[in-house]
Amino acid sequence: MQRTPARSLTVLATIGALLLTGCGTEPADPEGERTTASADRRTIRAQKLMQLTRTHAETGMTLLEGPVFGKDGGLYVVDVTAPEGKPKVIRVDVAKKTSRAVHTDGKGAYTSAQFSPYDQRLYLSDFAHGEVVSLAPDGGDPRTFFSGEIDGARMNPDDIAFDQEGNLYVSDSRGLSEGKALGRVVRISREGGEATVLAENLAAPNGISFDADHRGLWFSELTENRISYLRLDESGAVLSRHTAIRVDAGIAQTDSIAVDADGNLYQGLHGRAAMAVYDRHGERLATVEVPSRAGGLESATNVAITPGGTKAYMTVSGPAGGYLYTFDALGRGTPQSNGG
């Protein structure tokens, strides 16, 4: 999830910092055209499914993030900048094209969502307050999973990912407001009591996802437009780290990451309503494009692929509102295909 630097300690100013003034998209086919991929896999045309939110008068913006499929088949989405009283977690029935509010509160600025394989609860990262909270699947029973300092500093938790045992991995965008490389990748035990820094001195880490085999983590650095790979051992300790992909995004920046069953990476872009797709070796396979007629859309932050299927649902936002667009993914959906 992409933000501009915050210059105030108030929650409203923090939320305002979560949305960058964006730019347009490149020319594409009209919205009515079916989702297709070109023969060389270079361009995929996305199709509008539905509008979920409008710009909030209280915050001056809307920003959809964290799409994740629940066991009930619903697609759960967070609206980062939703004010108190407006839905902050939304459940979408993608077949019926309907939505309903699941959760709201007067505090959180939630930038991602994931269901834990350990306790089946919905976990949310609160960027503004440095916390990770969890909800029952129906949106009730809110609990604070983790709060406080790690190695002397509070987090700005952005995206989250779970390993197969339910331990949580967080991209901590600490340092973004200062323009300093103070970001971290943090591992939190599934009980929430133990937090370990796996990587530090990062340039505003954003997207984070396990690879297809759960052998390592992909994570993106917003202000460097690069994707790195963190190889882990069976206990979650770091074996190695290297820069894997340098994203040619122009004035756009790297946002959230999802991975399909074939190991392909779907890299969201903020500042352009598009998504870059790479294979695990770093080859650019495709660019997912929103039609040029869809004015007022500036960012395609995140994506979720239907479990066991290939229909993908991409969160797209801008002054025109918050939307879901669909396209045919290159591989099947898995738990890693819910983009942080």
C-alpha atoms as a PDB file:
ATOM      1  CA  MET A   1       0.000   0.000   0.000  1.00  0.00           C
ATOM      2  CA  GLN A   2       1.456   3.327  -1.090  1.00  0.00           C
ATOM      3  CA  ARG A   3       1.534   6.555   0.856  1.00  0.00           C
ATOM      4  CA  THR A   4       3.113   9.991   0.703  1.00  0.00           C
ATOM      5  CA  PRO A   5       5.134  11.009   3.794  1.00  0.00           C
ATOM      6  CA  ALA A   6       3.082  11.935   6.860  1.00  0.00           C
ATOM      7  CA  ARG A   7       3.772  15.348   8.388  1.00  0.00           C
ATOM      8  CA  SER A   8       1.372  15.231  11.305  1.00  0.00           C
ATOM      9  CA  LEU A   9       0.793  12.999  14.279  1.00  0.00           C
ATOM     10  CA  THR A  10      -2.956  13.136  13.846  1.00  0.00           C
ATOM     11  CA  VAL A  11      -4.709  10.102  12.421  1.00  0.00           C
ATOM     12  CA  LEU A  12      -6.354  12.170   9.702  1.00  0.00           C
ATOM     13  CA  ALA A  13      -3.022  13.496   8.493  1.00  0.00           C
ATOM     14  CA  THR A  14      -1.597   9.981   8.573  1.00  0.00           C
ATOM     15  CA  ILE A  15      -4.476   8.729   6.471  1.00  0.00           C
ATOM     16  CA  GLY A  16      -3.977  11.630   4.085  1.00  0.00           C
ATOM     17  CA  ALA A  17      -0.374  10.566   3.702  1.00  0.00           C
ATOM     18  CA  LEU A  18      -1.499   7.141   2.553  1.00  0.00           C
ATOM     19  CA  LEU A  19      -2.487   8.274  -0.929  1.00  0.00           C
ATOM     20  CA  LEU A  20      -0.101   9.682  -3.520  1.00  0.00           C
ATOM     21  CA  THR A  21      -1.276  12.060  -6.231  1.00  0.00           C
ATOM     22  CA  GLY A  22      -1.352   9.683  -9.173  1.00  0.00           C
ATOM     23  CA  CYS A  23      -1.116   9.708 -12.921  1.00  0.00           C
ATOM     24  CA  GLY A  24      -3.069   8.196 -15.793  1.00  0.00           C
ATOM     25  CA  THR A  25      -2.875   4.899 -17.591  1.00  0.00           C
ATOM     26  CA  GLU A  26      -1.599   3.994 -21.000  1.00  0.00           C
ATOM     27  CA  PRO A  27      -4.095   3.460 -23.847  1.00  0.00           C
ATOM     28  CA  ALA A  28      -6.036   0.204 -23.702  1.00  0.00           C
ATOM     29  CA  ASP A  29      -9.184  -1.375 -25.064  1.00  0.00           C
ATOM     30  CA  PRO A  30     -12.679  -0.102 -24.175  1.00  0.00           C
ATOM     31  CA  GLU A  31     -14.139  -1.321 -20.876  1.00  0.00           C
ATOM     32  CA  GLY A  32     -16.707  -3.520 -22.537  1.00  0.00           C
ATOM     33  CA  GLU A  33     -14.085  -5.824 -24.064  1.00  0.00           C
ATOM     34  CA  ARG A  34     -13.667  -9.224 -22.428  1.00  0.00           C
ATOM     35  CA  THR A  35     -10.548  -9.944 -20.414  1.00  0.00           C
ATOM     36  CA  THR A  36      -7.912 -11.261 -22.812  1.00  0.00           C
ATOM     37  CA  ALA A  37      -4.179 -11.837 -23.019  1.00  0.00           C
ATOM     38  CA  SER A  38      -2.114 -11.181 -26.118  1.00  0.00           C
ATOM     39  CA  ALA A  39      -0.313 -14.067 -27.766  1.00  0.00           C
ATOM     40  CA  ASP A  40       3.071 -13.070 -26.339  1.00  0.00           C
ATOM     41  CA  ARG A  41       1.597 -12.487 -22.859  1.00  0.00           C
ATOM     42  CA  ARG A  42       2.712  -8.859 -22.913  1.00  0.00           C
ATOM     43  CA  THR A  43      -0.642  -7.168 -22.307  1.00  0.00           C
ATOM     44  CA  ILE A  44      -3.691  -8.304 -20.355  1.00  0.00           C
ATOM     45  CA  ARG A  45      -6.838  -6.185 -20.591  1.00  0.00           C
ATOM     46  CA  ALA A  46      -8.696  -5.959 -17.286  1.00  0.00           C
ATOM     47  CA  GLN A  47     -12.468  -5.545 -17.127  1.00  0.00           C
ATOM     48  CA  LYS A  48     -14.434  -3.541 -14.574  1.00  0.00           C
ATOM     49  CA  LEU A  49     -16.438  -5.681 -12.165  1.00  0.00           C
ATOM     50  CA  MET A  50     -17.936  -3.064  -9.855  1.00  0.00           C
ATOM     51  CA  GLN A  51     -17.420   0.142  -7.908  1.00  0.00           C
ATOM     52  CA  LEU A  52     -17.074  -0.382  -4.162  1.00  0.00           C
ATOM     53  CA  THR A  53     -16.404   3.060  -2.689  1.00  0.00           C
ATOM     54  CA  ARG A  54     -16.513   6.769  -3.442  1.00  0.00           C
ATOM     55  CA  THR A  55     -14.202   9.502  -2.245  1.00  0.00           C
ATOM     56  CA  HIS A  56     -14.911  10.235   1.423  1.00  0.00           C
ATOM     57  CA  ALA A  57     -15.665  13.857   2.245  1.00  0.00           C
ATOM     58  CA  GLU A  58     -14.007  13.435   5.645  1.00  0.00           C
ATOM     59  CA  THR A  59     -10.652  12.257   4.290  1.00  0.00           C
ATOM     60  CA  GLY A  60     -10.790  13.513   0.704  1.00  0.00           C
ATOM     61  CA  MET A  61      -9.963  10.111  -0.745  1.00  0.00           C
ATOM     62  CA  THR A  62     -10.652   6.391  -0.881  1.00  0.00           C
ATOM     63  CA  LEU A  63      -8.074   3.631  -1.265  1.00  0.00           C
ATOM     64  CA  LEU A  64      -8.887  -0.073  -1.585  1.00  0.00           C
ATOM     65  CA  GLU A  65      -6.339  -2.657  -0.479  1.00  0.00           C
ATOM     66  CA  GLY A  66      -5.808  -6.128   0.923  1.00  0.00           C
ATOM     67  CA  PRO A  67      -8.132  -8.311  -1.202  1.00  0.00           C
ATOM     68  CA  VAL A  68      -8.335 -11.788   0.326  1.00  0.00           C
ATOM     69  CA  PHE A  69     -10.712 -14.704  -0.203  1.00  0.00           C
ATOM     70  CA  GLY A  70     -12.323 -16.188   2.894  1.00  0.00           C
ATOM     71  CA  LYS A  71     -13.385 -19.805   3.338  1.00  0.00           C
ATOM     72  CA  ASP A  72     -16.969 -18.635   2.815  1.00  0.00           C
ATOM     73  CA  GLY A  73     -16.065 -17.651  -0.751  1.00  0.00           C
ATOM     74  CA  GLY A  74     -16.333 -13.930  -0.058  1.00  0.00           C
ATOM     75  CA  LEU A  75     -13.682 -11.455  -1.153  1.00  0.00           C
ATOM     76  CA  TYR A  76     -12.665  -9.229   1.764  1.00  0.00           C
ATOM     77  CA  VAL A  77     -11.266  -5.766   1.006  1.00  0.00           C
ATOM     78  CA  VAL A  78     -10.080  -2.896   3.233  1.00  0.00           C
ATOM     79  CA  ASP A  79     -10.651   0.809   2.568  1.00  0.00           C
ATOM     80  CA  VAL A  80      -7.517   2.427   4.007  1.00  0.00           C
ATOM     81  CA  THR A  81      -8.886   5.947   4.288  1.00  0.00           C
ATOM     82  CA  ALA A  82     -12.452   5.201   5.414  1.00  0.00           C
ATOM     83  CA  PRO A  83     -13.481   7.500   8.287  1.00  0.00           C
ATOM     84  CA  GLU A  84     -15.199   6.424  11.487  1.00  0.00           C
ATOM     85  CA  GLY A  85     -18.650   5.049  10.760  1.00  0.00           C
ATOM     86  CA  LYS A  86     -17.861   4.043   7.176  1.00  0.00           C
ATOM     87  CA  PRO A  87     -16.940   0.453   6.261  1.00  0.00           C
ATOM     88  CA  LYS A  88     -13.247  -0.230   6.817  1.00  0.00           C
ATOM     89  CA  VAL A  89     -13.563  -3.923   5.927  1.00  0.00           C
ATOM     90  CA  ILE A  90     -15.942  -4.886   3.109  1.00  0.00           C
ATOM     91  CA  ARG A  91     -17.110  -8.344   1.997  1.00  0.00           C
ATOM     92  CA  VAL A  92     -17.812  -8.714  -1.722  1.00  0.00           C
ATOM     93  CA  ASP A  93     -19.887 -11.409  -3.403  1.00  0.00           C
ATOM     94  CA  VAL A  94     -18.089 -11.363  -6.741  1.00  0.00           C
ATOM     95  CA  ALA A  95     -20.717 -13.558  -8.445  1.00  0.00           C
ATOM     96  CA  LYS A  96     -23.631 -11.320  -7.482  1.00  0.00           C
ATOM     97  CA  LYS A  97     -21.585  -8.093  -7.620  1.00  0.00           C
ATOM     98  CA  THR A  98     -22.825  -7.065  -4.195  1.00  0.00           C
ATOM     99  CA  SER A  99     -21.001  -5.885  -1.090  1.00  0.00           C
ATOM    100  CA  ARG A 100     -21.671  -5.327   2.594  1.00  0.00           C
ATOM    101  CA  ALA A 101     -19.853  -3.761   5.526  1.00  0.00           C
ATOM    102  CA  VAL A 102     -18.014  -6.187   7.813  1.00  0.00           C
ATOM    103  CA  HIS A 103     -16.198  -3.886  10.244  1.00  0.00           C
ATOM    104  CA  THR A 104     -15.666  -0.249  11.147  1.00  0.00           C
ATOM    105  CA  ASP A 105     -14.111   1.575  14.098  1.00  0.00           C
ATOM    106  CA  GLY A 106     -12.889   5.011  15.057  1.00  0.00           C
ATOM    107  CA  LYS A 107      -9.194   4.256  15.023  1.00  0.00           C
ATOM    108  CA  GLY A 108      -7.626   2.038  12.416  1.00  0.00           C
ATOM    109  CA  ALA A 109      -6.052   2.865   9.057  1.00  0.00           C
ATOM    110  CA  TYR A 110      -5.892  -0.681   7.718  1.00  0.00           C
ATOM    111  CA  THR A 111      -3.578  -1.297   4.787  1.00  0.00           C
ATOM    112  CA  SER A 112      -3.807  -5.070   4.346  1.00  0.00           C
ATOM    113  CA  ALA A 113      -5.791  -8.158   5.295  1.00  0.00           C
ATOM    114  CA  GLN A 114      -5.060 -11.887   5.524  1.00  0.00           C
ATOM    115  CA  PHE A 115      -6.744 -14.934   7.053  1.00  0.00           C
ATOM    116  CA  SER A 116      -4.507 -16.922   9.403  1.00  0.00           C
ATOM    117  CA  PRO A 117      -4.134 -20.655   8.681  1.00  0.00           C
ATOM    118  CA  TYR A 118      -3.629 -21.141  12.433  1.00  0.00           C
ATOM    119  CA  ASP A 119      -6.803 -19.659  13.945  1.00  0.00           C
ATOM    120  CA  GLN A 120      -8.815 -18.731  10.800  1.00  0.00           C
ATOM    121  CA  ARG A 121      -9.211 -15.118  12.001  1.00  0.00           C
ATOM    122  CA  LEU A 122      -8.874 -12.077   9.728  1.00  0.00           C
ATOM    123  CA  TYR A 123      -5.694 -10.085  10.456  1.00  0.00           C
ATOM    124  CA  LEU A 124      -5.342  -6.386   9.599  1.00  0.00           C
ATOM    125  CA  SER A 125      -2.266  -4.149   9.659  1.00  0.00           C
ATOM    126  CA  ASP A 126      -2.903  -0.701  11.160  1.00  0.00           C
ATOM    127  CA  PHE A 127      -0.334   1.570   9.551  1.00  0.00           C
ATOM    128  CA  ALA A 128      -1.271   4.633  11.592  1.00  0.00           C
ATOM    129  CA  HIS A 129      -0.954   3.040  15.031  1.00  0.00           C
ATOM    130  CA  GLY A 130       1.784   0.470  14.491  1.00  0.00           C
ATOM    131  CA  GLU A 131      -0.434  -2.469  15.343  1.00  0.00           C
ATOM    132  CA  VAL A 132      -1.721  -5.729  13.930  1.00  0.00           C
ATOM    133  CA  VAL A 133      -5.292  -6.550  14.943  1.00  0.00           C
ATOM    134  CA  SER A 134      -7.515  -9.549  14.258  1.00  0.00           C
ATOM    135  CA  LEU A 135     -11.242 -10.069  13.778  1.00  0.00           C
ATOM    136  CA  ALA A 136     -13.586 -13.017  13.741  1.00  0.00           C
ATOM    137  CA  PRO A 137     -14.559 -13.886  10.135  1.00  0.00           C
ATOM    138  CA  ASP A 138     -17.864 -12.056  10.625  1.00  0.00           C
ATOM    139  CA  GLY A 139     -16.013  -8.862  11.603  1.00  0.00           C
ATOM    140  CA  GLY A 140     -16.693  -9.086  15.343  1.00  0.00           C
ATOM    141  CA  ASP A 141     -14.494  -9.832  18.370  1.00  0.00           C
ATOM    142  CA  PRO A 142     -11.664  -7.351  17.575  1.00  0.00           C
ATOM    143  CA  ARG A 143      -8.358  -8.153  19.296  1.00  0.00           C
ATOM    144  CA  THR A 144      -4.916  -6.568  19.298  1.00  0.00           C
ATOM    145  CA  PHE A 145      -2.508  -9.238  18.061  1.00  0.00           C
ATOM    146  CA  PHE A 146       0.688  -7.168  18.290  1.00  0.00           C
ATOM    147  CA  SER A 147       1.538  -3.654  19.436  1.00  0.00           C
ATOM    148  CA  GLY A 148       4.624  -1.908  20.767  1.00  0.00           C
ATOM    149  CA  GLU A 149       8.264  -1.541  19.858  1.00  0.00           C
ATOM    150  CA  ILE A 150      10.553  -3.993  18.105  1.00  0.00           C
ATOM    151  CA  ASP A 151      14.251  -3.421  18.758  1.00  0.00           C
ATOM    152  CA  GLY A 152      13.413   0.005  20.153  1.00  0.00           C
ATOM    153  CA  ALA A 153      11.119   1.239  17.366  1.00  0.00           C
ATOM    154  CA  ARG A 154       7.424   0.931  16.595  1.00  0.00           C
ATOM    155  CA  MET A 155       6.372  -0.429  13.229  1.00  0.00           C
ATOM    156  CA  ASN A 156       4.468   1.168  10.394  1.00  0.00           C
ATOM    157  CA  PRO A 157       3.059  -2.204   9.288  1.00  0.00           C
ATOM    158  CA  ASP A 158       2.035  -2.218   5.656  1.00  0.00           C
ATOM    159  CA  ASP A 159       1.445  -5.658   4.106  1.00  0.00           C
ATOM    160  CA  ILE A 160       1.355  -9.047   5.832  1.00  0.00           C
ATOM    161  CA  ALA A 161       1.863 -12.708   4.915  1.00  0.00           C
ATOM    162  CA  PHE A 162       1.490 -15.976   6.841  1.00  0.00           C
ATOM    163  CA  ASP A 163       3.651 -19.054   6.717  1.00  0.00           C
ATOM    164  CA  GLN A 164       2.010 -22.476   6.818  1.00  0.00           C
ATOM    165  CA  GLU A 165       2.205 -22.646  10.623  1.00  0.00           C
ATOM    166  CA  GLY A 166       0.501 -19.284  11.098  1.00  0.00           C
ATOM    167  CA  ASN A 167       3.522 -17.118  11.912  1.00  0.00           C
ATOM    168  CA  LEU A 168       3.119 -13.605  10.547  1.00  0.00           C
ATOM    169  CA  TYR A 169       5.559 -11.700   8.314  1.00  0.00           C
ATOM    170  CA  VAL A 170       5.211  -7.922   8.050  1.00  0.00           C
ATOM    171  CA  SER A 171       6.622  -5.275   5.731  1.00  0.00           C
ATOM    172  CA  ASP A 172       7.438  -2.411   8.106  1.00  0.00           C
ATOM    173  CA  SER A 173       7.589   0.906   6.229  1.00  0.00           C
ATOM    174  CA  ARG A 174       9.278   2.710   9.089  1.00  0.00           C
ATOM    175  CA  GLY A 175      11.273   5.704   7.837  1.00  0.00           C
ATOM    176  CA  LEU A 176       8.975   6.561   4.950  1.00  0.00           C
ATOM    177  CA  SER A 177       7.880   9.888   6.432  1.00  0.00           C
ATOM    178  CA  GLU A 178      11.508  10.868   7.032  1.00  0.00           C
ATOM    179  CA  GLY A 179      12.671   9.708   3.630  1.00  0.00           C
ATOM    180  CA  LYS A 180      15.183   7.363   5.245  1.00  0.00           C
ATOM    181  CA  ALA A 181      15.897   3.674   4.655  1.00  0.00           C
ATOM    182  CA  LEU A 182      14.725   2.508   8.079  1.00  0.00           C
ATOM    183  CA  GLY A 183      12.255  -0.112   6.884  1.00  0.00           C
ATOM    184  CA  ARG A 184      12.226  -3.713   8.028  1.00  0.00           C
ATOM    185  CA  VAL A 185      10.817  -7.166   7.415  1.00  0.00           C
ATOM    186  CA  VAL A 186       9.528  -8.508  10.722  1.00  0.00           C
ATOM    187  CA  ARG A 187       8.473 -12.005  11.790  1.00  0.00           C
ATOM    188  CA  ILE A 188       5.877 -12.297  14.580  1.00  0.00           C
ATOM    189  CA  SER A 189       5.166 -15.674  16.164  1.00  0.00           C
ATOM    190  CA  ARG A 190       1.650 -16.988  15.709  1.00  0.00           C
ATOM    191  CA  GLU A 191       0.845 -16.292  19.379  1.00  0.00           C
ATOM    192  CA  GLY A 192       1.931 -12.665  18.950  1.00  0.00           C
ATOM    193  CA  GLY A 193       4.487 -12.657  21.751  1.00  0.00           C
ATOM    194  CA  GLU A 194       7.794 -12.836  19.882  1.00  0.00           C
ATOM    195  CA  ALA A 195       8.914 -10.450  17.122  1.00  0.00           C
ATOM    196  CA  THR A 196      12.152 -10.782  15.150  1.00  0.00           C
ATOM    197  CA  VAL A 197      13.680  -8.441  12.563  1.00  0.00           C
ATOM    198  CA  LEU A 198      14.665 -10.474   9.482  1.00  0.00           C
ATOM    199  CA  ALA A 199      15.890  -7.593   7.306  1.00  0.00           C
ATOM    200  CA  GLU A 200      16.503  -3.915   8.001  1.00  0.00           C
ATOM    201  CA  ASN A 201      17.690  -0.648   6.438  1.00  0.00           C
ATOM    202  CA  LEU A 202      15.101  -1.072   3.682  1.00  0.00           C
ATOM    203  CA  ALA A 203      13.619   1.665   1.491  1.00  0.00           C
ATOM    204  CA  ALA A 204       9.934   1.651   2.528  1.00  0.00           C
ATOM    205  CA  PRO A 205       9.140  -2.074   2.126  1.00  0.00           C
ATOM    206  CA  ASN A 206       5.603  -2.591   0.884  1.00  0.00           C
ATOM    207  CA  GLY A 207       4.459  -5.824  -0.803  1.00  0.00           C
ATOM    208  CA  ILE A 208       5.337  -9.133   0.832  1.00  0.00           C
ATOM    209  CA  SER A 209       4.474 -12.715  -0.130  1.00  0.00           C
ATOM    210  CA  PHE A 210       5.880 -16.204   0.185  1.00  0.00           C
ATOM    211  CA  ASP A 211       6.990 -17.936  -2.985  1.00  0.00           C
ATOM    212  CA  ALA A 212       5.045 -20.922  -4.296  1.00  0.00           C
ATOM    213  CA  ASP A 213       7.030 -23.430  -2.211  1.00  0.00           C
ATOM    214  CA  HIS A 214       7.224 -21.386   1.015  1.00  0.00           C
ATOM    215  CA  ARG A 215      11.006 -21.412   0.786  1.00  0.00           C
ATOM    216  CA  GLY A 216      11.391 -17.658   0.861  1.00  0.00           C
ATOM    217  CA  LEU A 217       9.768 -14.237   0.856  1.00  0.00           C
ATOM    218  CA  TRP A 218       9.404 -11.763  -1.964  1.00  0.00           C
ATOM    219  CA  PHE A 219       9.194  -8.153  -0.804  1.00  0.00           C
ATOM    220  CA  SER A 220       9.129  -4.852  -2.673  1.00  0.00           C
ATOM    221  CA  GLU A 221      10.762  -1.556  -1.701  1.00  0.00           C
ATOM    222  CA  LEU A 222       8.559   1.349  -2.655  1.00  0.00           C
ATOM    223  CA  THR A 223      11.097   4.124  -3.029  1.00  0.00           C
ATOM    224  CA  GLU A 224      13.644   1.971  -4.889  1.00  0.00           C
ATOM    225  CA  ASN A 225      11.223   0.170  -7.269  1.00  0.00           C
ATOM    226  CA  ARG A 226      12.862  -3.149  -6.613  1.00  0.00           C
ATOM    227  CA  ILE A 227      11.797  -6.616  -5.465  1.00  0.00           C
ATOM    228  CA  SER A 228      14.087  -8.616  -3.205  1.00  0.00           C
ATOM    229  CA  TYR A 229      14.105 -12.280  -2.233  1.00  0.00           C
ATOM    230  CA  LEU A 230      14.684 -13.469   1.338  1.00  0.00           C
ATOM    231  CA  ARG A 231      15.499 -17.171   1.526  1.00  0.00           C
ATOM    232  CA  LEU A 232      14.474 -18.778   4.825  1.00  0.00           C
ATOM    233  CA  ASP A 233      15.224 -22.028   6.602  1.00  0.00           C
ATOM    234  CA  GLU A 234      12.599 -24.300   8.153  1.00  0.00           C
ATOM    235  CA  SER A 235      12.586 -22.281  11.386  1.00  0.00           C
ATOM    236  CA  GLY A 236      12.044 -18.972   9.581  1.00  0.00           C
ATOM    237  CA  ALA A 237      15.637 -17.747   9.961  1.00  0.00           C
ATOM    238  CA  VAL A 238      17.280 -15.920   7.067  1.00  0.00           C
ATOM    239  CA  LEU A 239      19.685 -17.885   4.874  1.00  0.00           C
ATOM    240  CA  SER A 240      20.304 -15.212   2.234  1.00  0.00           C
ATOM    241  CA  ARG A 241      18.943 -12.006   0.705  1.00  0.00           C
ATOM    242  CA  HIS A 242      19.386 -10.445  -2.703  1.00  0.00           C
ATOM    243  CA  THR A 243      17.805  -7.986  -5.126  1.00  0.00           C
ATOM    244  CA  ALA A 244      15.804 -10.123  -7.550  1.00  0.00           C
ATOM    245  CA  ILE A 245      13.915  -7.738  -9.873  1.00  0.00           C
ATOM    246  CA  ARG A 246      14.296  -4.060 -10.714  1.00  0.00           C
ATOM    247  CA  VAL A 247      10.888  -2.776 -11.781  1.00  0.00           C
ATOM    248  CA  ASP A 248      10.798  -0.340 -14.706  1.00  0.00           C
ATOM    249  CA  ALA A 249       7.745   1.604 -13.577  1.00  0.00           C
ATOM    250  CA  GLY A 250       8.524   5.171 -14.623  1.00  0.00           C
ATOM    251  CA  ILE A 251       6.848   7.566 -12.214  1.00  0.00           C
ATOM    252  CA  ALA A 252       4.817   4.737 -10.642  1.00  0.00           C
ATOM    253  CA  GLN A 253       6.069   2.806  -7.616  1.00  0.00           C
ATOM    254  CA  THR A 254       6.015  -0.802  -6.440  1.00  0.00           C
ATOM    255  CA  ASP A 255       3.068  -1.650  -4.199  1.00  0.00           C
ATOM    256  CA  SER A 256       1.686  -5.034  -3.060  1.00  0.00           C
ATOM    257  CA  ILE A 257       2.731  -8.511  -4.274  1.00  0.00           C
ATOM    258  CA  ALA A 258       0.800 -11.739  -4.895  1.00  0.00           C
ATOM    259  CA  VAL A 259       2.138 -15.098  -6.140  1.00  0.00           C
ATOM    260  CA  ASP A 260       0.267 -17.768  -8.113  1.00  0.00           C
ATOM    261  CA  ALA A 261       0.672 -21.562  -8.051  1.00  0.00           C
ATOM    262  CA  ASP A 262       3.279 -21.408 -10.837  1.00  0.00           C
ATOM    263  CA  GLY A 263       5.412 -18.987  -8.852  1.00  0.00           C
ATOM    264  CA  ASN A 264       4.595 -15.911 -10.950  1.00  0.00           C
ATOM    265  CA  LEU A 265       4.678 -12.549  -9.172  1.00  0.00           C
ATOM    266  CA  TYR A 266       1.929  -9.942  -9.561  1.00  0.00           C
ATOM    267  CA  GLN A 267       3.418  -6.575  -8.652  1.00  0.00           C
ATOM    268  CA  GLY A 268       0.910  -3.793  -7.986  1.00  0.00           C
ATOM    269  CA  LEU A 269       1.741  -0.259  -9.103  1.00  0.00           C
ATOM    270  CA  HIS A 270       0.840   2.976  -7.389  1.00  0.00           C
ATOM    271  CA  GLY A 271       0.816   5.966  -9.686  1.00  0.00           C
ATOM    272  CA  ARG A 272      -0.439   3.895 -12.610  1.00  0.00           C
ATOM    273  CA  ALA A 273      -3.594   1.783 -12.864  1.00  0.00           C
ATOM    274  CA  ALA A 274      -1.655  -1.279 -13.968  1.00  0.00           C
ATOM    275  CA  MET A 275       0.116  -4.352 -12.638  1.00  0.00           C
ATOM    276  CA  ALA A 276       3.402  -5.970 -13.704  1.00  0.00           C
ATOM    277  CA  VAL A 277       3.698  -9.780 -13.857  1.00  0.00           C
ATOM    278  CA  TYR A 278       7.045 -11.611 -13.586  1.00  0.00           C
ATOM    279  CA  ASP A 279       8.096 -15.230 -13.423  1.00  0.00           C
ATOM    280  CA  ARG A 280      10.248 -16.439 -10.524  1.00  0.00           C
ATOM    281  CA  HIS A 281      13.393 -15.858 -12.600  1.00  0.00           C
ATOM    282  CA  GLY A 282      12.572 -12.173 -13.035  1.00  0.00           C
ATOM    283  CA  GLU A 283      11.339 -12.282 -16.636  1.00  0.00           C
ATOM    284  CA  ARG A 284       8.559  -9.767 -17.335  1.00  0.00           C
ATOM    285  CA  LEU A 285       5.634 -11.849 -18.573  1.00  0.00           C
ATOM    286  CA  ALA A 286       2.832  -9.322 -18.851  1.00  0.00           C
ATOM    287  CA  THR A 287       1.357  -5.980 -17.908  1.00  0.00           C
ATOM    288  CA  VAL A 288      -2.241  -5.912 -16.696  1.00  0.00           C
ATOM    289  CA  GLU A 289      -3.902  -2.734 -17.989  1.00  0.00           C
ATOM    290  CA  VAL A 290      -7.056  -0.897 -16.924  1.00  0.00           C
ATOM    291  CA  PRO A 291      -8.875   0.608 -19.959  1.00  0.00           C
ATOM    292  CA  SER A 292      -7.899   4.173 -20.767  1.00  0.00           C
ATOM    293  CA  ARG A 293     -11.582   5.171 -20.721  1.00  0.00           C
ATOM    294  CA  ALA A 294     -11.619   4.511 -16.979  1.00  0.00           C
ATOM    295  CA  GLY A 295     -10.643   8.065 -16.021  1.00  0.00           C
ATOM    296  CA  GLY A 296      -9.808   9.077 -12.473  1.00  0.00           C
ATOM    297  CA  LEU A 297      -8.074   5.816 -11.552  1.00  0.00           C
ATOM    298  CA  GLU A 298      -4.462   6.168 -10.490  1.00  0.00           C
ATOM    299  CA  SER A 299      -3.320   2.969  -8.840  1.00  0.00           C
ATOM    300  CA  ALA A 300      -3.734  -0.810  -9.049  1.00  0.00           C
ATOM    301  CA  THR A 301      -2.460  -1.647  -5.611  1.00  0.00           C
ATOM    302  CA  ASN A 302      -3.260  -5.292  -5.058  1.00  0.00           C
ATOM    303  CA  VAL A 303      -4.843  -8.505  -6.366  1.00  0.00           C
ATOM    304  CA  ALA A 304      -6.407 -11.777  -5.221  1.00  0.00           C
ATOM    305  CA  ILE A 305      -6.770 -14.851  -7.443  1.00  0.00           C
ATOM    306  CA  THR A 306      -9.694 -17.224  -6.927  1.00  0.00           C
ATOM    307  CA  PRO A 307      -8.527 -20.278  -4.901  1.00  0.00           C
ATOM    308  CA  GLY A 308      -7.888 -23.104  -7.360  1.00  0.00           C
ATOM    309  CA  GLY A 309      -8.953 -20.917 -10.293  1.00  0.00           C
ATOM    310  CA  THR A 310      -7.443 -18.213 -12.458  1.00  0.00           C
ATOM    311  CA  LYS A 311      -9.949 -15.356 -12.191  1.00  0.00           C
ATOM    312  CA  ALA A 312      -8.132 -12.443 -10.570  1.00  0.00           C
ATOM    313  CA  TYR A 313      -9.665  -9.463  -8.771  1.00  0.00           C
ATOM    314  CA  MET A 314      -7.585  -6.289  -8.683  1.00  0.00           C
ATOM    315  CA  THR A 315      -8.164  -3.285  -6.383  1.00  0.00           C
ATOM    316  CA  VAL A 316      -8.009  -0.035  -8.359  1.00  0.00           C
ATOM    317  CA  SER A 317      -8.448   3.423  -6.818  1.00  0.00           C
ATOM    318  CA  GLY A 318      -8.264   7.145  -7.541  1.00  0.00           C
ATOM    319  CA  PRO A 319     -10.381  10.314  -7.479  1.00  0.00           C
ATOM    320  CA  ALA A 320     -13.138   8.411  -9.345  1.00  0.00           C
ATOM    321  CA  GLY A 321     -13.480   6.015  -6.394  1.00  0.00           C
ATOM    322  CA  GLY A 322     -12.487   2.481  -5.456  1.00  0.00           C
ATOM    323  CA  TYR A 323     -13.157  -0.352  -7.923  1.00  0.00           C
ATOM    324  CA  LEU A 324     -12.651  -4.043  -8.507  1.00  0.00           C
ATOM    325  CA  TYR A 325     -11.329  -5.070 -11.946  1.00  0.00           C
ATOM    326  CA  THR A 326     -10.961  -8.647 -13.170  1.00  0.00           C
ATOM    327  CA  PHE A 327      -8.553 -10.456 -15.472  1.00  0.00           C
ATOM    328  CA  ASP A 328      -7.354 -13.969 -16.207  1.00  0.00           C
ATOM    329  CA  ALA A 329      -4.239 -14.741 -14.166  1.00  0.00           C
ATOM    330  CA  LEU A 330      -1.394 -16.788 -15.620  1.00  0.00           C
ATOM    331  CA  GLY A 331      -1.608 -19.414 -12.858  1.00  0.00           C
ATOM    332  CA  ARG A 332      -4.044 -20.781 -10.287  1.00  0.00           C
ATOM    333  CA  GLY A 333      -4.816 -19.103  -6.994  1.00  0.00           C
ATOM    334  CA  THR A 334      -3.297 -20.291  -3.682  1.00  0.00           C
ATOM    335  CA  PRO A 335      -3.064 -18.719  -0.211  1.00  0.00           C
ATOM    336  CA  GLN A 336      -0.076 -16.692  -1.517  1.00  0.00           C
ATOM    337  CA  SER A 337      -2.358 -15.314  -4.242  1.00  0.00           C
ATOM    338  CA  ASN A 338      -4.090 -13.034  -1.741  1.00  0.00           C
ATOM    339  CA  GLY A 339      -1.859 -10.010  -2.030  1.00  0.00           C
ATOM    340  CA  GLY A 340      -0.960  -9.011   1.500  1.00  0.00           C
END
